[in-house]
Full PDB file with SEQRES, HELIX, SHEET, SSBOND, CRYST1, ORIGX, SCALE, CONECT and MASTER records, all heavy atoms in Angstrom:
SEQRES   1 A   38  LEU ARG ASN TRP ALA HIS GLU GLN PHE PHE THR GLU GLN          
SEQRES   2 A   38  HIS TYR MET ASN MET SER GLY ASP THR ARG SER VAL ASN          
SEQRES   3 A   38  VAL LEU GLN THR LEU MET ASN LYS LEU ASP TRP GLU              
HELIX    1 AA1 ARG A    2  SER A   19  1                                  18    
HELIX    2 AA2 ARG A   23  TRP A   37  1                                  15    
CRYST1    1.000    1.000    1.000  90.00  90.00  90.00 P 1           1          
ORIGX1      1.000000  0.000000  0.000000        0.00000                         
ORIGX2      0.000000  1.000000  0.000000        0.00000                         
ORIGX3      0.000000  0.000000  1.000000        0.00000                         
SCALE1      1.000000  0.000000  0.000000        0.00000                         
SCALE2      0.000000  1.000000  0.000000        0.00000                         
SCALE3      0.000000  0.000000  1.000000        0.00000                         
ATOM      1  N   LEU A   1     -24.708 -44.171  20.099  1.00  0.00           N  
ATOM      2  CA  LEU A   1     -25.345 -44.077  18.788  1.00  0.00           C  
ATOM      3  C   LEU A   1     -24.592 -43.097  17.905  1.00  0.00           C  
ATOM      4  O   LEU A   1     -24.335 -43.360  16.735  1.00  0.00           O  
ATOM      5  CB  LEU A   1     -26.807 -43.638  18.933  1.00  0.00           C  
ATOM      6  CG  LEU A   1     -27.547 -43.344  17.629  1.00  0.00           C  
ATOM      7  CD1 LEU A   1     -27.633 -44.601  16.751  1.00  0.00           C  
ATOM      8  CD2 LEU A   1     -28.920 -42.780  17.921  1.00  0.00           C  
ATOM      9  N   ARG A   2     -24.180 -41.968  18.461  1.00  0.00           N  
ATOM     10  CA  ARG A   2     -23.442 -40.967  17.690  1.00  0.00           C  
ATOM     11  C   ARG A   2     -22.098 -41.540  17.226  1.00  0.00           C  
ATOM     12  O   ARG A   2     -21.687 -41.347  16.089  1.00  0.00           O  
ATOM     13  CB  ARG A   2     -23.221 -39.713  18.529  1.00  0.00           C  
ATOM     14  CG  ARG A   2     -22.844 -38.506  17.680  1.00  0.00           C  
ATOM     15  CD  ARG A   2     -21.483 -37.979  18.084  1.00  0.00           C  
ATOM     16  NE  ARG A   2     -21.234 -36.713  17.420  1.00  0.00           N  
ATOM     17  CZ  ARG A   2     -20.412 -36.600  16.384  1.00  0.00           C  
ATOM     18  NH1 ARG A   2     -19.798 -37.636  15.898  1.00  0.00           N  
ATOM     19  NH2 ARG A   2     -20.201 -35.430  15.819  1.00  0.00           N  
ATOM     20  N   ASN A   3     -21.398 -42.258  18.111  1.00  0.00           N  
ATOM     21  CA  ASN A   3     -20.112 -42.860  17.745  1.00  0.00           C  
ATOM     22  C   ASN A   3     -20.299 -43.919  16.650  1.00  0.00           C  
ATOM     23  O   ASN A   3     -19.491 -44.010  15.725  1.00  0.00           O  
ATOM     24  CB  ASN A   3     -19.440 -43.470  18.967  1.00  0.00           C  
ATOM     25  CG  ASN A   3     -19.014 -42.422  19.978  1.00  0.00           C  
ATOM     26  OD1 ASN A   3     -19.006 -41.233  19.701  1.00  0.00           O  
ATOM     27  ND2 ASN A   3     -18.687 -42.872  21.177  1.00  0.00           N  
ATOM     28  N   TRP A   4     -21.371 -44.695  16.747  1.00  0.00           N  
ATOM     29  CA  TRP A   4     -21.664 -45.690  15.712  1.00  0.00           C  
ATOM     30  C   TRP A   4     -21.922 -44.997  14.375  1.00  0.00           C  
ATOM     31  O   TRP A   4     -21.418 -45.422  13.336  1.00  0.00           O  
ATOM     32  CB  TRP A   4     -22.878 -46.531  16.127  1.00  0.00           C  
ATOM     33  CG  TRP A   4     -23.316 -47.462  15.058  1.00  0.00           C  
ATOM     34  CD1 TRP A   4     -22.816 -48.708  14.793  1.00  0.00           C  
ATOM     35  CD2 TRP A   4     -24.316 -47.211  14.067  1.00  0.00           C  
ATOM     36  NE1 TRP A   4     -23.463 -49.242  13.695  1.00  0.00           N  
ATOM     37  CE2 TRP A   4     -24.381 -48.342  13.240  1.00  0.00           C  
ATOM     38  CE3 TRP A   4     -25.170 -46.134  13.809  1.00  0.00           C  
ATOM     39  CZ2 TRP A   4     -25.263 -48.431  12.170  1.00  0.00           C  
ATOM     40  CZ3 TRP A   4     -26.048 -46.220  12.739  1.00  0.00           C  
ATOM     41  CH2 TRP A   4     -26.088 -47.362  11.936  1.00  0.00           C  
ATOM     42  N   ALA A   5     -22.709 -43.923  14.397  1.00  0.00           N  
ATOM     43  CA  ALA A   5     -22.999 -43.184  13.168  1.00  0.00           C  
ATOM     44  C   ALA A   5     -21.716 -42.622  12.563  1.00  0.00           C  
ATOM     45  O   ALA A   5     -21.545 -42.614  11.348  1.00  0.00           O  
ATOM     46  CB  ALA A   5     -23.989 -42.060  13.445  1.00  0.00           C  
ATOM     47  N   HIS A   6     -20.785 -42.198  13.413  1.00  0.00           N  
ATOM     48  CA  HIS A   6     -19.509 -41.669  12.933  1.00  0.00           C  
ATOM     49  C   HIS A   6     -18.696 -42.760  12.237  1.00  0.00           C  
ATOM     50  O   HIS A   6     -18.095 -42.530  11.184  1.00  0.00           O  
ATOM     51  CB  HIS A   6     -18.736 -41.076  14.102  1.00  0.00           C  
ATOM     52  CG  HIS A   6     -17.696 -40.096  13.696  1.00  0.00           C  
ATOM     53  ND1 HIS A   6     -17.041 -39.314  14.601  1.00  0.00           N  
ATOM     54  CD2 HIS A   6     -17.166 -39.767  12.496  1.00  0.00           C  
ATOM     55  CE1 HIS A   6     -16.170 -38.547  13.967  1.00  0.00           C  
ATOM     56  NE2 HIS A   6     -16.229 -38.818  12.686  1.00  0.00           N  
ATOM     57  N   GLU A   7     -18.668 -43.964  12.799  1.00  0.00           N  
ATOM     58  CA  GLU A   7     -17.972 -45.088  12.155  1.00  0.00           C  
ATOM     59  C   GLU A   7     -18.611 -45.411  10.800  1.00  0.00           C  
ATOM     60  O   GLU A   7     -17.908 -45.640   9.816  1.00  0.00           O  
ATOM     61  CB  GLU A   7     -18.009 -46.334  13.044  1.00  0.00           C  
ATOM     62  CG  GLU A   7     -17.060 -46.305  14.215  1.00  0.00           C  
ATOM     63  CD  GLU A   7     -15.599 -46.497  13.836  1.00  0.00           C  
ATOM     64  OE1 GLU A   7     -15.290 -46.848  12.678  1.00  0.00           O  
ATOM     65  OE2 GLU A   7     -14.752 -46.284  14.704  1.00  0.00           O  
ATOM     66  N   GLN A   8     -19.943 -45.396  10.750  1.00  0.00           N  
ATOM     67  CA  GLN A   8     -20.637 -45.653   9.492  1.00  0.00           C  
ATOM     68  C   GLN A   8     -20.336 -44.554   8.481  1.00  0.00           C  
ATOM     69  O   GLN A   8     -20.217 -44.807   7.285  1.00  0.00           O  
ATOM     70  CB  GLN A   8     -22.148 -45.771   9.721  1.00  0.00           C  
ATOM     71  CG  GLN A   8     -22.555 -46.908  10.614  1.00  0.00           C  
ATOM     72  CD  GLN A   8     -21.966 -48.235  10.187  1.00  0.00           C  
ATOM     73  OE1 GLN A   8     -22.080 -48.615   9.037  1.00  0.00           O  
ATOM     74  NE2 GLN A   8     -21.334 -48.915  11.109  1.00  0.00           N  
ATOM     75  N   PHE A   9     -20.185 -43.333   8.972  1.00  0.00           N  
ATOM     76  CA  PHE A   9     -19.860 -42.204   8.113  1.00  0.00           C  
ATOM     77  C   PHE A   9     -18.548 -42.456   7.373  1.00  0.00           C  
ATOM     78  O   PHE A   9     -18.444 -42.190   6.179  1.00  0.00           O  
ATOM     79  CB  PHE A   9     -19.765 -40.936   8.968  1.00  0.00           C  
ATOM     80  CG  PHE A   9     -19.384 -39.701   8.198  1.00  0.00           C  
ATOM     81  CD1 PHE A   9     -20.350 -38.963   7.536  1.00  0.00           C  
ATOM     82  CD2 PHE A   9     -18.072 -39.272   8.150  1.00  0.00           C  
ATOM     83  CE1 PHE A   9     -20.016 -37.814   6.828  1.00  0.00           C  
ATOM     84  CE2 PHE A   9     -17.724 -38.129   7.446  1.00  0.00           C  
ATOM     85  CZ  PHE A   9     -18.693 -37.399   6.790  1.00  0.00           C  
ATOM     86  N   PHE A  10     -17.531 -42.984   8.073  1.00  0.00           N  
ATOM     87  CA  PHE A  10     -16.248 -43.268   7.425  1.00  0.00           C  
ATOM     88  C   PHE A  10     -16.412 -44.296   6.304  1.00  0.00           C  
ATOM     89  O   PHE A  10     -15.852 -44.147   5.216  1.00  0.00           O  
ATOM     90  CB  PHE A  10     -15.219 -43.779   8.429  1.00  0.00           C  
ATOM     91  CG  PHE A  10     -14.790 -42.742   9.434  1.00  0.00           C  
ATOM     92  CD1 PHE A  10     -14.633 -43.087  10.758  1.00  0.00           C  
ATOM     93  CD2 PHE A  10     -14.541 -41.437   9.058  1.00  0.00           C  
ATOM     94  CE1 PHE A  10     -14.231 -42.143  11.691  1.00  0.00           C  
ATOM     95  CE2 PHE A  10     -14.146 -40.484   9.979  1.00  0.00           C  
ATOM     96  CZ  PHE A  10     -13.994 -40.845  11.305  1.00  0.00           C  
ATOM     97  N   THR A  11     -17.175 -45.339   6.580  1.00  0.00           N  
ATOM     98  CA  THR A  11     -17.411 -46.371   5.566  1.00  0.00           C  
ATOM     99  C   THR A  11     -18.131 -45.779   4.356  1.00  0.00           C  
ATOM    100  O   THR A  11     -17.737 -46.013   3.214  1.00  0.00           O  
ATOM    101  CB  THR A  11     -18.256 -47.511   6.155  1.00  0.00           C  
ATOM    102  OG1 THR A  11     -17.572 -48.056   7.281  1.00  0.00           O  
ATOM    103  CG2 THR A  11     -18.510 -48.602   5.143  1.00  0.00           C  
ATOM    104  N   GLU A  12     -19.169 -45.016   4.616  1.00  0.00           N  
ATOM    105  CA  GLU A  12     -19.946 -44.420   3.531  1.00  0.00           C  
ATOM    106  C   GLU A  12     -19.153 -43.357   2.779  1.00  0.00           C  
ATOM    107  O   GLU A  12     -19.317 -43.181   1.582  1.00  0.00           O  
ATOM    108  CB  GLU A  12     -21.256 -43.836   4.064  1.00  0.00           C  
ATOM    109  CG  GLU A  12     -22.222 -44.885   4.557  1.00  0.00           C  
ATOM    110  CD  GLU A  12     -22.613 -45.882   3.477  1.00  0.00           C  
ATOM    111  OE1 GLU A  12     -22.849 -45.485   2.322  1.00  0.00           O  
ATOM    112  OE2 GLU A  12     -22.681 -47.080   3.792  1.00  0.00           O  
ATOM    113  N   GLN A  13     -18.263 -42.670   3.479  1.00  0.00           N  
ATOM    114  CA  GLN A  13     -17.431 -41.668   2.823  1.00  0.00           C  
ATOM    115  C   GLN A  13     -16.497 -42.336   1.809  1.00  0.00           C  
ATOM    116  O   GLN A  13     -16.274 -41.816   0.724  1.00  0.00           O  
ATOM    117  CB  GLN A  13     -16.642 -40.896   3.873  1.00  0.00           C  
ATOM    118  CG  GLN A  13     -15.992 -39.643   3.359  1.00  0.00           C  
ATOM    119  CD  GLN A  13     -15.372 -38.842   4.478  1.00  0.00           C  
ATOM    120  OE1 GLN A  13     -14.867 -39.388   5.450  1.00  0.00           O  
ATOM    121  NE2 GLN A  13     -15.404 -37.530   4.347  1.00  0.00           N  
ATOM    122  N   HIS A  14     -15.972 -43.496   2.172  1.00  0.00           N  
ATOM    123  CA  HIS A  14     -15.129 -44.251   1.240  1.00  0.00           C  
ATOM    124  C   HIS A  14     -15.946 -44.644   0.012  1.00  0.00           C  
ATOM    125  O   HIS A  14     -15.498 -44.474  -1.128  1.00  0.00           O  
ATOM    126  CB  HIS A  14     -14.559 -45.488   1.925  1.00  0.00           C  
ATOM    127  CG  HIS A  14     -13.789 -46.379   1.015  1.00  0.00           C  
ATOM    128  ND1 HIS A  14     -12.560 -46.046   0.506  1.00  0.00           N  
ATOM    129  CD2 HIS A  14     -14.091 -47.587   0.484  1.00  0.00           C  
ATOM    130  CE1 HIS A  14     -12.132 -47.007  -0.288  1.00  0.00           C  
ATOM    131  NE2 HIS A  14     -13.052 -47.953  -0.318  1.00  0.00           N  
ATOM    132  N   TYR A  15     -17.155 -45.148   0.239  1.00  0.00           N  
ATOM    133  CA  TYR A  15     -18.036 -45.524  -0.867  1.00  0.00           C  
ATOM    134  C   TYR A  15     -18.353 -44.300  -1.733  1.00  0.00           C  
ATOM    135  O   TYR A  15     -18.343 -44.372  -2.957  1.00  0.00           O  
ATOM    136  CB  TYR A  15     -19.324 -46.152  -0.334  1.00  0.00           C  
ATOM    137  CG  TYR A  15     -20.347 -46.414  -1.407  1.00  0.00           C  
ATOM    138  CD1 TYR A  15     -20.195 -47.475  -2.296  1.00  0.00           C  
ATOM    139  CD2 TYR A  15     -21.454 -45.580  -1.557  1.00  0.00           C  
ATOM    140  CE1 TYR A  15     -21.124 -47.707  -3.293  1.00  0.00           C  
ATOM    141  CE2 TYR A  15     -22.384 -45.802  -2.550  1.00  0.00           C  
ATOM    142  CZ  TYR A  15     -22.211 -46.867  -3.415  1.00  0.00           C  
ATOM    143  OH  TYR A  15     -23.134 -47.084  -4.403  1.00  0.00           O  
ATOM    144  N   MET A  16     -18.612 -43.162  -1.085  1.00  0.00           N  
ATOM    145  CA  MET A  16     -18.939 -41.937  -1.805  1.00  0.00           C  
ATOM    146  C   MET A  16     -17.774 -41.525  -2.713  1.00  0.00           C  
ATOM    147  O   MET A  16     -17.981 -41.121  -3.853  1.00  0.00           O  
ATOM    148  CB  MET A  16     -19.227 -40.806  -0.819  1.00  0.00           C  
ATOM    149  CG  MET A  16     -19.488 -39.457  -1.472  1.00  0.00           C  
ATOM    150  SD  MET A  16     -19.349 -38.062  -0.330  1.00  0.00           S  
ATOM    151  CE  MET A  16     -17.597 -38.039  -0.018  1.00  0.00           C  
ATOM    152  N   ASN A  17     -16.551 -41.641  -2.219  1.00  0.00           N  
ATOM    153  CA  ASN A  17     -15.387 -41.268  -3.019  1.00  0.00           C  
ATOM    154  C   ASN A  17     -15.258 -42.147  -4.256  1.00  0.00           C  
ATOM    155  O   ASN A  17     -14.743 -41.711  -5.280  1.00  0.00           O  
ATOM    156  CB  ASN A  17     -14.117 -41.330  -2.188  1.00  0.00           C  
ATOM    157  CG  ASN A  17     -14.047 -40.222  -1.163  1.00  0.00           C  
ATOM    158  OD1 ASN A  17     -14.655 -39.175  -1.322  1.00  0.00           O  
ATOM    159  ND2 ASN A  17     -13.307 -40.458  -0.094  1.00  0.00           N  
ATOM    160  N   MET A  18     -15.710 -43.394  -4.146  1.00  0.00           N  
ATOM    161  CA  MET A  18     -15.611 -44.311  -5.277  1.00  0.00           C  
ATOM    162  C   MET A  18     -16.788 -44.130  -6.251  1.00  0.00           C  
ATOM    163  O   MET A  18     -16.621 -44.255  -7.447  1.00  0.00           O  
ATOM    164  CB  MET A  18     -15.568 -45.755  -4.784  1.00  0.00           C  
ATOM    165  CG  MET A  18     -14.548 -45.995  -3.706  1.00  0.00           C  
ATOM    166  SD  MET A  18     -13.109 -46.941  -4.094  1.00  0.00           S  
ATOM    167  CE  MET A  18     -13.586 -48.211  -5.125  1.00  0.00           C  
ATOM    168  N   SER A  19     -17.979 -43.838  -5.710  1.00  0.00           N  
ATOM    169  CA  SER A  19     -19.186 -43.815  -6.542  1.00  0.00           C  
ATOM    170  C   SER A  19     -19.689 -42.418  -6.882  1.00  0.00           C  
ATOM    171  O   SER A  19     -20.414 -42.258  -7.856  1.00  0.00           O  
ATOM    172  CB  SER A  19     -20.309 -44.578  -5.835  1.00  0.00           C  
ATOM    173  OG  SER A  19     -20.746 -43.839  -4.705  1.00  0.00           O  
ATOM    174  N   GLY A  20     -19.367 -41.459  -6.040  1.00  0.00           N  
ATOM    175  CA  GLY A  20     -19.900 -40.113  -6.244  1.00  0.00           C  
ATOM    176  C   GLY A  20     -21.267 -39.896  -5.614  1.00  0.00           C  
ATOM    177  O   GLY A  20     -21.818 -38.804  -5.672  1.00  0.00           O  
ATOM    178  N   ASP A  21     -21.834 -40.923  -4.999  1.00  0.00           N  
ATOM    179  CA  ASP A  21     -23.154 -40.836  -4.365  1.00  0.00           C  
ATOM    180  C   ASP A  21     -22.985 -40.294  -2.945  1.00  0.00           C  
ATOM    181  O   ASP A  21     -22.395 -40.954  -2.091  1.00  0.00           O  
ATOM    182  CB  ASP A  21     -23.800 -42.222  -4.346  1.00  0.00           C  
ATOM    183  CG  ASP A  21     -25.204 -42.196  -3.775  1.00  0.00           C  
ATOM    184  OD1 ASP A  21     -25.710 -41.110  -3.436  1.00  0.00           O  
ATOM    185  OD2 ASP A  21     -25.798 -43.284  -3.663  1.00  0.00           O  
ATOM    186  N   THR A  22     -23.509 -39.116  -2.681  1.00  0.00           N  
ATOM    187  CA  THR A  22     -23.312 -38.459  -1.385  1.00  0.00           C  
ATOM    188  C   THR A  22     -24.500 -38.596  -0.432  1.00  0.00           C  
ATOM    189  O   THR A  22     -24.434 -38.108   0.690  1.00  0.00           O  
ATOM    190  CB  THR A  22     -23.039 -36.956  -1.583  1.00  0.00           C  
ATOM    191  OG1 THR A  22     -24.197 -36.358  -2.182  1.00  0.00           O  
ATOM    192  CG2 THR A  22     -21.822 -36.718  -2.446  1.00  0.00           C  
ATOM    193  N   ARG A  23     -25.573 -39.256  -0.853  1.00  0.00           N  
ATOM    194  CA  ARG A  23     -26.795 -39.274  -0.039  1.00  0.00           C  
ATOM    195  C   ARG A  23     -26.588 -39.854   1.353  1.00  0.00           C  
ATOM    196  O   ARG A  23     -26.998 -39.256   2.342  1.00  0.00           O  
ATOM    197  CB  ARG A  23     -27.904 -40.041  -0.752  1.00  0.00           C  
ATOM    198  CG  ARG A  23     -28.453 -39.285  -1.957  1.00  0.00           C  
ATOM    199  CD  ARG A  23     -29.446 -40.108  -2.692  1.00  0.00           C  
ATOM    200  NE  ARG A  23     -28.729 -41.246  -3.286  1.00  0.00           N  
ATOM    201  CZ  ARG A  23     -29.284 -42.145  -4.062  1.00  0.00           C  
ATOM    202  NH1 ARG A  23     -30.561 -42.080  -4.333  1.00  0.00           N  
ATOM    203  NH2 ARG A  23     -28.580 -43.113  -4.574  1.00  0.00           N  
ATOM    204  N   SER A  24     -25.945 -41.012   1.450  1.00  0.00           N  
ATOM    205  CA  SER A  24     -25.809 -41.643   2.771  1.00  0.00           C  
ATOM    206  C   SER A  24     -24.894 -40.826   3.684  1.00  0.00           C  
ATOM    207  O   SER A  24     -25.149 -40.718   4.884  1.00  0.00           O  
ATOM    208  CB  SER A  24     -25.296 -43.076   2.634  1.00  0.00           C  
ATOM    209  OG  SER A  24     -24.041 -43.099   1.977  1.00  0.00           O  
ATOM    210  N   VAL A  25     -23.863 -40.217   3.117  1.00  0.00           N  
ATOM    211  CA  VAL A  25     -22.965 -39.381   3.917  1.00  0.00           C  
ATOM    212  C   VAL A  25     -23.723 -38.160   4.439  1.00  0.00           C  
ATOM    213  O   VAL A  25     -23.575 -37.776   5.599  1.00  0.00           O  
ATOM    214  CB  VAL A  25     -21.728 -38.966   3.081  1.00  0.00           C  
ATOM    215  CG1 VAL A  25     -20.890 -37.945   3.801  1.00  0.00           C  
ATOM    216  CG2 VAL A  25     -20.884 -40.180   2.748  1.00  0.00           C  
ATOM    217  N   ASN A  26     -24.554 -37.579   3.587  1.00  0.00           N  
ATOM    218  CA  ASN A  26     -25.342 -36.413   4.010  1.00  0.00           C  
ATOM    219  C   ASN A  26     -26.316 -36.774   5.130  1.00  0.00           C  
ATOM    220  O   ASN A  26     -26.476 -36.004   6.089  1.00  0.00           O  
ATOM    221  CB  ASN A  26     -26.106 -35.827   2.821  1.00  0.00           C  
ATOM    222  CG  ASN A  26     -25.181 -35.236   1.780  1.00  0.00           C  
ATOM    223  OD1 ASN A  26     -24.015 -34.963   2.044  1.00  0.00           O  
ATOM    224  ND2 ASN A  26     -25.696 -35.060   0.575  1.00  0.00           N  
ATOM    225  N   VAL A  27     -26.959 -37.921   5.023  1.00  0.00           N  
ATOM    226  CA  VAL A  27     -27.902 -38.357   6.056  1.00  0.00           C  
ATOM    227  C   VAL A  27     -27.181 -38.581   7.375  1.00  0.00           C  
ATOM    228  O   VAL A  27     -27.632 -38.130   8.438  1.00  0.00           O  
ATOM    229  CB  VAL A  27     -28.655 -39.636   5.620  1.00  0.00           C  
ATOM    230  CG1 VAL A  27     -29.406 -40.252   6.790  1.00  0.00           C  
ATOM    231  CG2 VAL A  27     -29.595 -39.341   4.476  1.00  0.00           C  
ATOM    232  N   LEU A  28     -26.041 -39.265   7.339  1.00  0.00           N  
ATOM    233  CA  LEU A  28     -25.298 -39.532   8.569  1.00  0.00           C  
ATOM    234  C   LEU A  28     -24.778 -38.237   9.200  1.00  0.00           C  
ATOM    235  O   LEU A  28     -24.809 -38.078  10.423  1.00  0.00           O  
ATOM    236  CB  LEU A  28     -24.147 -40.504   8.302  1.00  0.00           C  
ATOM    237  CG  LEU A  28     -24.585 -41.942   8.053  1.00  0.00           C  
ATOM    238  CD1 LEU A  28     -23.433 -42.760   7.477  1.00  0.00           C  
ATOM    239  CD2 LEU A  28     -25.117 -42.582   9.319  1.00  0.00           C  
ATOM    240  N   GLN A  29     -24.300 -37.299   8.390  1.00  0.00           N  
ATOM    241  CA  GLN A  29     -23.826 -36.022   8.928  1.00  0.00           C  
ATOM    242  C   GLN A  29     -24.972 -35.251   9.573  1.00  0.00           C  
ATOM    243  O   GLN A  29     -24.814 -34.672  10.645  1.00  0.00           O  
ATOM    244  CB  GLN A  29     -23.184 -35.181   7.824  1.00  0.00           C  
ATOM    245  CG  GLN A  29     -22.557 -33.888   8.341  1.00  0.00           C  
ATOM    246  CD  GLN A  29     -21.429 -34.157   9.308  1.00  0.00           C  
ATOM    247  OE1 GLN A  29     -20.447 -34.773   8.952  1.00  0.00           O  
ATOM    248  NE2 GLN A  29     -21.569 -33.703  10.534  1.00  0.00           N  
ATOM    249  N   THR A  30     -26.134 -35.282   8.948  1.00  0.00           N  
ATOM    250  CA  THR A  30     -27.307 -34.616   9.516  1.00  0.00           C  
ATOM    251  C   THR A  30     -27.705 -35.260  10.842  1.00  0.00           C  
ATOM    252  O   THR A  30     -28.029 -34.564  11.812  1.00  0.00           O  
ATOM    253  CB  THR A  30     -28.487 -34.653   8.519  1.00  0.00           C  
ATOM    254  OG1 THR A  30     -28.068 -34.016   7.303  1.00  0.00           O  
ATOM    255  CG2 THR A  30     -29.705 -33.969   9.070  1.00  0.00           C  
ATOM    256  N   LEU A  31     -27.669 -36.593  10.897  1.00  0.00           N  
ATOM    257  CA  LEU A  31     -27.976 -37.304  12.138  1.00  0.00           C  
ATOM    258  C   LEU A  31     -26.994 -36.921  13.241  1.00  0.00           C  
ATOM    259  O   LEU A  31     -27.405 -36.623  14.370  1.00  0.00           O  
ATOM    260  CB  LEU A  31     -27.939 -38.821  11.908  1.00  0.00           C  
ATOM    261  CG  LEU A  31     -28.048 -39.688  13.148  1.00  0.00           C  
ATOM    262  CD1 LEU A  31     -29.414 -39.525  13.809  1.00  0.00           C  
ATOM    263  CD2 LEU A  31     -27.788 -41.142  12.810  1.00  0.00           C  
ATOM    264  N   MET A  32     -25.696 -36.908  12.939  1.00  0.00           N  
ATOM    265  CA  MET A  32     -24.698 -36.548  13.958  1.00  0.00           C  
ATOM    266  C   MET A  32     -24.896 -35.109  14.421  1.00  0.00           C  
ATOM    267  O   MET A  32     -24.792 -34.824  15.625  1.00  0.00           O  
ATOM    268  CB  MET A  32     -23.284 -36.766  13.422  1.00  0.00           C  
ATOM    269  CG  MET A  32     -22.932 -38.227  13.262  1.00  0.00           C  
ATOM    270  SD  MET A  32     -21.203 -38.532  12.831  1.00  0.00           S  
ATOM    271  CE  MET A  32     -21.088 -37.822  11.198  1.00  0.00           C  
ATOM    272  N   ASN A  33     -25.202 -34.190  13.504  1.00  0.00           N  
ATOM    273  CA  ASN A  33     -25.460 -32.796  13.884  1.00  0.00           C  
ATOM    274  C   ASN A  33     -26.660 -32.692  14.814  1.00  0.00           C  
ATOM    275  O   ASN A  33     -26.615 -31.979  15.813  1.00  0.00           O  
ATOM    276  CB  ASN A  33     -25.681 -31.929  12.646  1.00  0.00           C  
ATOM    277  CG  ASN A  33     -24.413 -31.700  11.863  1.00  0.00           C  
ATOM    278  OD1 ASN A  33     -23.308 -31.896  12.358  1.00  0.00           O  
ATOM    279  ND2 ASN A  33     -24.573 -31.303  10.617  1.00  0.00           N  
ATOM    280  N   LYS A  34     -27.722 -33.406  14.492  1.00  0.00           N  
ATOM    281  CA  LYS A  34     -28.933 -33.371  15.324  1.00  0.00           C  
ATOM    282  C   LYS A  34     -28.642 -33.926  16.723  1.00  0.00           C  
ATOM    283  O   LYS A  34     -29.075 -33.361  17.721  1.00  0.00           O  
ATOM    284  CB  LYS A  34     -30.061 -34.151  14.656  1.00  0.00           C  
ATOM    285  CG  LYS A  34     -31.379 -34.032  15.389  1.00  0.00           C  
ATOM    286  CD  LYS A  34     -32.497 -34.583  14.548  1.00  0.00           C  
ATOM    287  CE  LYS A  34     -33.836 -34.402  15.192  1.00  0.00           C  
ATOM    288  NZ  LYS A  34     -34.369 -33.058  15.128  1.00  0.00           N  
ATOM    289  N   LEU A  35     -27.901 -35.025  16.781  1.00  0.00           N  
ATOM    290  CA  LEU A  35     -27.547 -35.591  18.087  1.00  0.00           C  
ATOM    291  C   LEU A  35     -26.715 -34.606  18.907  1.00  0.00           C  
ATOM    292  O   LEU A  35     -26.900 -34.477  20.114  1.00  0.00           O  
ATOM    293  CB  LEU A  35     -26.794 -36.912  17.909  1.00  0.00           C  
ATOM    294  CG  LEU A  35     -27.631 -38.095  17.415  1.00  0.00           C  
ATOM    295  CD1 LEU A  35     -26.725 -39.266  17.054  1.00  0.00           C  
ATOM    296  CD2 LEU A  35     -28.664 -38.506  18.441  1.00  0.00           C  
ATOM    297  N   ASP A  36     -25.811 -33.901  18.243  1.00  0.00           N  
ATOM    298  CA  ASP A  36     -24.972 -32.920  18.948  1.00  0.00           C  
ATOM    299  C   ASP A  36     -25.807 -31.736  19.430  1.00  0.00           C  
ATOM    300  O   ASP A  36     -25.730 -31.348  20.602  1.00  0.00           O  
ATOM    301  CB  ASP A  36     -23.854 -32.407  18.039  1.00  0.00           C  
ATOM    302  CG  ASP A  36     -22.766 -33.446  17.771  1.00  0.00           C  
ATOM    303  OD1 ASP A  36     -22.766 -34.501  18.440  1.00  0.00           O  
ATOM    304  OD2 ASP A  36     -21.925 -33.204  16.890  1.00  0.00           O  
ATOM    305  N   TRP A  37     -26.594 -31.156  18.548  1.00  0.00           N  
ATOM    306  CA  TRP A  37     -27.321 -29.932  18.874  1.00  0.00           C  
ATOM    307  C   TRP A  37     -28.489 -30.163  19.823  1.00  0.00           C  
ATOM    308  O   TRP A  37     -28.700 -29.388  20.744  1.00  0.00           O  
ATOM    309  CB  TRP A  37     -27.854 -29.272  17.611  1.00  0.00           C  
ATOM    310  CG  TRP A  37     -26.781 -28.807  16.664  1.00  0.00           C  
ATOM    311  CD1 TRP A  37     -25.501 -28.432  16.978  1.00  0.00           C  
ATOM    312  CD2 TRP A  37     -26.884 -28.676  15.254  1.00  0.00           C  
ATOM    313  NE1 TRP A  37     -24.806 -28.081  15.853  1.00  0.00           N  
ATOM    314  CE2 TRP A  37     -25.634 -28.224  14.767  1.00  0.00           C  
ATOM    315  CE3 TRP A  37     -27.896 -28.907  14.343  1.00  0.00           C  
ATOM    316  CZ2 TRP A  37     -25.394 -27.981  13.417  1.00  0.00           C  
ATOM    317  CZ3 TRP A  37     -27.645 -28.660  13.005  1.00  0.00           C  
ATOM    318  CH2 TRP A  37     -26.412 -28.203  12.556  1.00  0.00           C  
ATOM    319  N   GLU A  38     -29.250 -31.232  19.593  1.00  0.00           N  
ATOM    320  CA  GLU A  38     -30.479 -31.413  20.359  1.00  0.00           C  
ATOM    321  C   GLU A  38     -30.349 -32.348  21.556  1.00  0.00           C  
ATOM    322  O   GLU A  38     -31.149 -32.277  22.476  1.00  0.00           O  
ATOM    323  CB  GLU A  38     -31.605 -31.907  19.440  1.00  0.00           C  
ATOM    324  CG  GLU A  38     -32.010 -30.862  18.419  1.00  0.00           C  
ATOM    325  CD  GLU A  38     -33.202 -31.284  17.595  1.00  0.00           C  
ATOM    326  OE1 GLU A  38     -33.980 -32.148  18.052  1.00  0.00           O  
ATOM    327  OE2 GLU A  38     -33.349 -30.736  16.489  1.00  0.00           O  
TER     328      GLU A  38                                                      
MASTER        0    0    0    2    0    0    0    6  327    1    0    3          
END                                                                             
């Protein structure tokens, strides 16, 4: 699940660079952090 979220993060990061919308990248980063820490 963490690896899948990381792949999605790359896709969303590309979208963020084009649109300026950071919400999905922030959510995915928070999810990956939670999976790592907890």
